[in-house]
N, C-alpha and C. Protein backbone atom coordinates (compact mmCIF):
# COMPACT_ATOMS: atom_id res chain seq x y z
N MET A 1 -17.76 6.63 -20.21
CA MET A 1 -18.34 5.48 -19.55
C MET A 1 -18.83 5.96 -18.18
N ILE A 2 -20.05 5.63 -17.88
CA ILE A 2 -20.67 6.00 -16.60
C ILE A 2 -20.96 4.70 -15.84
N ALA A 3 -20.59 4.67 -14.57
CA ALA A 3 -20.90 3.52 -13.72
C ALA A 3 -21.77 4.00 -12.56
N LEU A 4 -22.95 3.40 -12.43
CA LEU A 4 -23.86 3.67 -11.31
C LEU A 4 -23.58 2.60 -10.26
N ILE A 5 -23.13 3.03 -9.10
CA ILE A 5 -22.60 2.09 -8.11
C ILE A 5 -23.37 2.18 -6.81
N LYS A 6 -23.69 1.02 -6.27
CA LYS A 6 -24.34 0.89 -4.96
C LYS A 6 -23.35 0.24 -4.01
N ARG A 7 -23.36 0.67 -2.79
CA ARG A 7 -22.45 0.09 -1.78
C ARG A 7 -22.97 -1.27 -1.32
N ARG A 8 -22.08 -2.04 -0.73
CA ARG A 8 -22.51 -3.29 -0.09
C ARG A 8 -23.41 -2.93 1.09
N PRO A 9 -24.37 -3.80 1.42
CA PRO A 9 -25.31 -3.46 2.49
C PRO A 9 -24.68 -3.34 3.87
N ASP A 10 -23.49 -3.91 4.06
CA ASP A 10 -22.84 -3.82 5.37
C ASP A 10 -21.98 -2.56 5.51
N PHE A 11 -22.00 -1.68 4.51
CA PHE A 11 -21.27 -0.41 4.56
C PHE A 11 -22.25 0.74 4.73
N THR A 12 -21.89 1.70 5.56
CA THR A 12 -22.64 2.96 5.58
C THR A 12 -22.20 3.77 4.37
N LEU A 13 -22.96 4.79 4.05
CA LEU A 13 -22.58 5.66 2.94
C LEU A 13 -21.20 6.28 3.20
N GLU A 14 -20.96 6.68 4.43
CA GLU A 14 -19.69 7.30 4.79
C GLU A 14 -18.53 6.32 4.65
N GLU A 15 -18.73 5.08 5.10
CA GLU A 15 -17.69 4.05 4.97
C GLU A 15 -17.40 3.75 3.50
N PHE A 16 -18.47 3.66 2.70
CA PHE A 16 -18.33 3.40 1.28
C PHE A 16 -17.50 4.51 0.61
N CYS A 17 -17.87 5.76 0.86
CA CYS A 17 -17.16 6.89 0.25
C CYS A 17 -15.70 6.90 0.66
N ALA A 18 -15.44 6.67 1.93
CA ALA A 18 -14.05 6.67 2.42
C ALA A 18 -13.25 5.56 1.76
N TYR A 19 -13.81 4.37 1.67
CA TYR A 19 -13.09 3.25 1.06
C TYR A 19 -12.81 3.55 -0.41
N TYR A 20 -13.81 4.01 -1.12
CA TYR A 20 -13.68 4.27 -2.55
C TYR A 20 -12.58 5.32 -2.81
N GLU A 21 -12.63 6.41 -2.05
CA GLU A 21 -11.68 7.50 -2.25
C GLU A 21 -10.28 7.19 -1.71
N GLN A 22 -10.20 6.59 -0.54
CA GLN A 22 -8.92 6.45 0.15
C GLN A 22 -8.20 5.13 -0.09
N LYS A 23 -8.92 4.11 -0.52
CA LYS A 23 -8.28 2.81 -0.76
C LYS A 23 -8.37 2.39 -2.22
N HIS A 24 -9.59 2.41 -2.79
CA HIS A 24 -9.74 1.88 -4.15
C HIS A 24 -9.09 2.78 -5.20
N ALA A 25 -9.35 4.07 -5.15
CA ALA A 25 -8.77 4.98 -6.15
C ALA A 25 -7.23 4.95 -6.12
N PRO A 26 -6.58 4.98 -4.94
CA PRO A 26 -5.12 4.86 -4.94
C PRO A 26 -4.64 3.50 -5.46
N LEU A 27 -5.38 2.44 -5.18
CA LEU A 27 -5.04 1.12 -5.73
C LEU A 27 -5.08 1.16 -7.25
N ALA A 28 -6.11 1.79 -7.80
CA ALA A 28 -6.22 1.91 -9.25
C ALA A 28 -5.05 2.69 -9.81
N ALA A 29 -4.69 3.79 -9.16
CA ALA A 29 -3.58 4.61 -9.63
C ALA A 29 -2.27 3.83 -9.66
N ARG A 30 -2.08 2.93 -8.69
CA ARG A 30 -0.86 2.11 -8.63
C ARG A 30 -0.89 0.95 -9.61
N THR A 31 -2.07 0.49 -9.97
CA THR A 31 -2.24 -0.76 -10.70
C THR A 31 -2.39 -0.59 -12.21
N ILE A 32 -3.10 0.44 -12.63
CA ILE A 32 -3.39 0.62 -14.06
C ILE A 32 -2.07 0.88 -14.79
N PRO A 33 -1.76 0.09 -15.81
CA PRO A 33 -0.51 0.30 -16.55
C PRO A 33 -0.50 1.64 -17.29
N PRO A 34 0.69 2.20 -17.49
CA PRO A 34 0.79 3.52 -18.12
C PRO A 34 0.09 3.62 -19.48
N ASP A 35 0.16 2.58 -20.32
CA ASP A 35 -0.46 2.67 -21.64
C ASP A 35 -1.99 2.71 -21.55
N VAL A 36 -2.55 2.16 -20.49
CA VAL A 36 -4.00 2.23 -20.26
C VAL A 36 -4.34 3.57 -19.61
N ALA A 37 -3.55 3.97 -18.62
CA ALA A 37 -3.80 5.22 -17.90
C ALA A 37 -3.75 6.43 -18.84
N GLU A 38 -2.86 6.41 -19.82
CA GLU A 38 -2.74 7.57 -20.71
C GLU A 38 -3.97 7.75 -21.60
N ALA A 39 -4.78 6.72 -21.76
CA ALA A 39 -6.01 6.82 -22.56
C ALA A 39 -7.15 7.43 -21.75
N ILE A 40 -7.03 7.47 -20.42
CA ILE A 40 -8.08 8.02 -19.56
C ILE A 40 -7.88 9.53 -19.47
N ARG A 41 -8.85 10.29 -19.96
CA ARG A 41 -8.78 11.75 -19.94
C ARG A 41 -9.43 12.35 -18.70
N HIS A 42 -10.35 11.62 -18.10
CA HIS A 42 -11.04 12.12 -16.91
C HIS A 42 -11.52 10.92 -16.10
N TYR A 43 -11.36 11.02 -14.79
CA TYR A 43 -11.90 10.04 -13.86
C TYR A 43 -12.53 10.83 -12.72
N GLY A 44 -13.81 10.63 -12.50
CA GLY A 44 -14.49 11.37 -11.43
C GLY A 44 -15.43 10.48 -10.65
N GLN A 45 -15.46 10.70 -9.35
CA GLN A 45 -16.42 10.02 -8.47
C GLN A 45 -17.42 11.07 -8.01
N ASN A 46 -18.68 10.85 -8.30
CA ASN A 46 -19.76 11.76 -7.90
C ASN A 46 -20.58 11.05 -6.82
N HIS A 47 -20.25 11.35 -5.57
CA HIS A 47 -20.89 10.66 -4.45
C HIS A 47 -22.25 11.27 -4.11
N ALA A 48 -23.19 10.42 -3.80
CA ALA A 48 -24.54 10.86 -3.44
C ALA A 48 -24.50 11.64 -2.13
N LEU A 49 -25.35 12.63 -2.05
CA LEU A 49 -25.50 13.43 -0.83
C LEU A 49 -26.88 13.21 -0.25
N ARG A 50 -26.95 13.27 1.05
CA ARG A 50 -28.25 13.25 1.72
C ARG A 50 -28.59 14.71 2.03
N LEU A 51 -29.68 15.17 1.46
CA LEU A 51 -30.08 16.56 1.68
C LEU A 51 -31.29 16.62 2.59
N GLY A 52 -31.33 17.65 3.38
CA GLY A 52 -32.47 17.83 4.28
C GLY A 52 -32.53 16.73 5.33
N ARG A 53 -33.76 16.39 5.67
CA ARG A 53 -33.98 15.39 6.71
C ARG A 53 -34.32 14.02 6.15
N GLY A 54 -34.16 13.85 4.87
CA GLY A 54 -34.52 12.58 4.25
C GLY A 54 -33.74 11.41 4.81
N LYS A 55 -34.42 10.33 5.04
CA LYS A 55 -33.81 9.11 5.56
C LYS A 55 -33.68 8.04 4.47
N THR A 56 -34.24 8.32 3.31
CA THR A 56 -34.23 7.35 2.22
C THR A 56 -32.89 7.38 1.51
N ASP A 57 -32.34 6.20 1.27
CA ASP A 57 -31.09 6.11 0.53
C ASP A 57 -31.35 6.35 -0.95
N PRO A 58 -30.40 6.97 -1.63
CA PRO A 58 -30.54 7.12 -3.08
C PRO A 58 -30.41 5.76 -3.75
N PRO A 59 -30.91 5.61 -4.98
CA PRO A 59 -30.82 4.30 -5.65
C PRO A 59 -29.38 3.88 -5.91
N TYR A 60 -28.47 4.86 -6.06
CA TYR A 60 -27.04 4.58 -6.23
C TYR A 60 -26.27 5.50 -5.31
N ASP A 61 -25.13 5.03 -4.86
CA ASP A 61 -24.32 5.81 -3.93
C ASP A 61 -23.23 6.63 -4.62
N CYS A 62 -22.91 6.26 -5.85
CA CYS A 62 -21.88 7.00 -6.58
C CYS A 62 -22.11 6.83 -8.08
N VAL A 63 -21.88 7.90 -8.80
CA VAL A 63 -21.83 7.85 -10.26
C VAL A 63 -20.38 8.13 -10.62
N THR A 64 -19.72 7.12 -11.18
CA THR A 64 -18.31 7.25 -11.54
C THR A 64 -18.22 7.49 -13.04
N GLU A 65 -17.39 8.46 -13.41
CA GLU A 65 -17.22 8.81 -14.82
C GLU A 65 -15.79 8.52 -15.27
N PHE A 66 -15.67 7.91 -16.43
CA PHE A 66 -14.40 7.77 -17.12
C PHE A 66 -14.59 8.40 -18.49
N ARG A 67 -13.66 9.24 -18.89
CA ARG A 67 -13.63 9.73 -20.26
C ARG A 67 -12.32 9.26 -20.88
N PHE A 68 -12.42 8.75 -22.09
CA PHE A 68 -11.27 8.21 -22.79
C PHE A 68 -10.93 9.07 -23.98
N GLU A 69 -9.68 9.02 -24.41
CA GLU A 69 -9.26 9.82 -25.55
C GLU A 69 -10.02 9.45 -26.82
N ASP A 70 -10.40 8.17 -26.93
CA ASP A 70 -11.15 7.69 -28.09
C ASP A 70 -11.65 6.28 -27.80
N LEU A 71 -12.34 5.68 -28.76
CA LEU A 71 -12.85 4.32 -28.56
C LEU A 71 -11.74 3.30 -28.40
N ALA A 72 -10.61 3.53 -29.05
CA ALA A 72 -9.47 2.62 -28.89
C ALA A 72 -8.99 2.64 -27.44
N GLY A 73 -9.00 3.82 -26.82
CA GLY A 73 -8.61 3.93 -25.41
C GLY A 73 -9.58 3.20 -24.50
N LEU A 74 -10.88 3.33 -24.79
CA LEU A 74 -11.89 2.60 -24.04
C LEU A 74 -11.67 1.10 -24.17
N GLU A 75 -11.38 0.66 -25.37
CA GLU A 75 -11.14 -0.77 -25.60
C GLU A 75 -9.88 -1.25 -24.87
N ARG A 76 -8.85 -0.41 -24.84
CA ARG A 76 -7.63 -0.75 -24.09
C ARG A 76 -7.96 -0.94 -22.61
N TRP A 77 -8.77 -0.02 -22.07
CA TRP A 77 -9.21 -0.13 -20.67
C TRP A 77 -10.00 -1.41 -20.45
N ARG A 78 -10.97 -1.64 -21.31
CA ARG A 78 -11.85 -2.81 -21.16
C ARG A 78 -11.05 -4.11 -21.20
N ALA A 79 -10.14 -4.21 -22.13
CA ALA A 79 -9.33 -5.42 -22.25
C ALA A 79 -8.47 -5.63 -21.00
N TRP A 80 -7.88 -4.55 -20.51
CA TRP A 80 -7.04 -4.68 -19.31
C TRP A 80 -7.90 -5.01 -18.09
N TYR A 81 -8.98 -4.25 -17.89
CA TYR A 81 -9.82 -4.42 -16.71
C TYR A 81 -10.44 -5.81 -16.65
N SER A 82 -10.88 -6.35 -17.76
CA SER A 82 -11.53 -7.66 -17.75
C SER A 82 -10.53 -8.81 -17.79
N GLY A 83 -9.26 -8.51 -18.01
CA GLY A 83 -8.23 -9.54 -18.06
C GLY A 83 -7.56 -9.77 -16.72
N GLU A 84 -6.46 -10.49 -16.76
CA GLU A 84 -5.71 -10.82 -15.54
C GLU A 84 -5.21 -9.58 -14.82
N GLY A 85 -4.78 -8.56 -15.57
CA GLY A 85 -4.26 -7.34 -14.95
C GLY A 85 -5.27 -6.62 -14.08
N GLY A 86 -6.53 -6.61 -14.50
CA GLY A 86 -7.57 -5.90 -13.76
C GLY A 86 -8.16 -6.68 -12.60
N LYS A 87 -7.70 -7.91 -12.43
CA LYS A 87 -8.25 -8.77 -11.37
C LYS A 87 -8.14 -8.12 -9.99
N VAL A 88 -7.04 -7.45 -9.71
CA VAL A 88 -6.85 -6.83 -8.40
C VAL A 88 -7.92 -5.76 -8.14
N LEU A 89 -8.30 -5.00 -9.16
CA LEU A 89 -9.36 -4.00 -8.98
C LEU A 89 -10.71 -4.66 -8.82
N ARG A 90 -10.98 -5.66 -9.64
CA ARG A 90 -12.27 -6.36 -9.54
C ARG A 90 -12.43 -7.01 -8.16
N GLU A 91 -11.39 -7.61 -7.65
CA GLU A 91 -11.46 -8.23 -6.31
C GLU A 91 -11.65 -7.18 -5.23
N ASP A 92 -11.00 -6.03 -5.38
CA ASP A 92 -11.16 -4.96 -4.39
C ASP A 92 -12.58 -4.41 -4.43
N GLU A 93 -13.17 -4.30 -5.60
CA GLU A 93 -14.54 -3.79 -5.72
C GLU A 93 -15.53 -4.66 -4.95
N GLU A 94 -15.27 -5.95 -4.91
CA GLU A 94 -16.14 -6.86 -4.15
C GLU A 94 -16.15 -6.54 -2.66
N LYS A 95 -15.12 -5.86 -2.17
CA LYS A 95 -15.01 -5.55 -0.75
C LYS A 95 -15.93 -4.42 -0.29
N PHE A 96 -16.37 -3.55 -1.23
CA PHE A 96 -17.17 -2.41 -0.80
C PHE A 96 -18.35 -2.08 -1.71
N MET A 97 -18.39 -2.65 -2.91
CA MET A 97 -19.48 -2.38 -3.85
C MET A 97 -20.43 -3.57 -3.94
N ASP A 98 -21.68 -3.28 -4.27
CA ASP A 98 -22.62 -4.31 -4.68
C ASP A 98 -22.43 -4.45 -6.20
N THR A 99 -21.45 -5.26 -6.59
CA THR A 99 -21.10 -5.34 -8.02
C THR A 99 -22.22 -5.95 -8.86
N GLY A 100 -23.07 -6.74 -8.26
CA GLY A 100 -24.20 -7.31 -8.99
C GLY A 100 -25.24 -6.26 -9.36
N GLY A 101 -25.28 -5.18 -8.61
CA GLY A 101 -26.25 -4.11 -8.88
C GLY A 101 -25.66 -2.94 -9.65
N ARG A 102 -24.40 -3.05 -10.02
CA ARG A 102 -23.73 -1.96 -10.76
C ARG A 102 -24.28 -1.89 -12.18
N VAL A 103 -24.43 -0.67 -12.66
CA VAL A 103 -24.89 -0.43 -14.02
C VAL A 103 -23.78 0.34 -14.75
N ILE A 104 -23.35 -0.17 -15.90
CA ILE A 104 -22.33 0.49 -16.71
C ILE A 104 -22.98 0.96 -18.01
N ILE A 105 -22.77 2.21 -18.35
CA ILE A 105 -23.31 2.77 -19.58
C ILE A 105 -22.15 3.42 -20.34
N VAL A 106 -21.92 2.96 -21.56
CA VAL A 106 -20.93 3.60 -22.41
C VAL A 106 -21.66 4.71 -23.16
N THR A 107 -21.12 5.92 -23.04
CA THR A 107 -21.82 7.09 -23.57
C THR A 107 -20.96 7.84 -24.59
N ASP A 108 -21.61 8.72 -25.30
CA ASP A 108 -20.97 9.66 -26.21
C ASP A 108 -21.36 11.04 -25.71
N GLU A 109 -20.47 11.69 -24.98
CA GLU A 109 -20.79 12.98 -24.37
C GLU A 109 -20.97 14.05 -25.43
N ARG A 110 -22.03 14.81 -25.28
CA ARG A 110 -22.29 15.94 -26.16
C ARG A 110 -22.57 17.14 -25.29
N ARG A 111 -21.79 18.14 -25.44
CA ARG A 111 -21.94 19.34 -24.62
C ARG A 111 -23.04 20.23 -25.19
N ALA A 112 -23.83 20.77 -24.29
CA ALA A 112 -24.91 21.65 -24.68
C ALA A 112 -24.86 22.89 -23.78
N SER A 113 -25.31 23.97 -24.30
CA SER A 113 -25.35 25.20 -23.53
C SER A 113 -26.76 25.45 -23.00
N ILE A 114 -26.84 25.90 -21.77
CA ILE A 114 -28.14 26.22 -21.20
C ILE A 114 -28.29 27.75 -21.03
N HIS A 115 -27.32 28.49 -21.53
CA HIS A 115 -27.36 29.96 -21.41
C HIS A 115 -28.13 30.55 -22.59
N ARG A 116 -28.93 31.57 -22.28
CA ARG A 116 -29.68 32.27 -23.31
C ARG A 116 -28.92 33.52 -23.75
N ALA A 117 -29.02 33.80 -25.00
CA ALA A 117 -28.44 35.04 -25.49
C ALA A 117 -29.32 36.21 -25.07
N CYS A 118 -28.74 37.32 -24.70
CA CYS A 118 -29.52 38.50 -24.30
C CYS A 118 -29.96 39.31 -25.48
């Protein structure tokens, strides 16, 4: 599952990154029940970088990745997150994310090689 996330307009990119890493992620670690957490194989935050002298903001500030052990694990996450248990995370997201502009894509990762044989 890939989430394309934009910060709230009253946050700088630096404030957004700090909140996401230092407050939201630890909240998730404390809140997600063990049976849901064990289905998550990978959780990554890929924060946007400003390169060079560009002043233009990227269309999204973070690409968050979740990998699950299987579709049942994804469904366990979805049921918990959208239910009463996930309310604390959803409410916290409203504090720093533009949740209306968030894009969620459920994917099937396929690894490919870009190396050529000699």
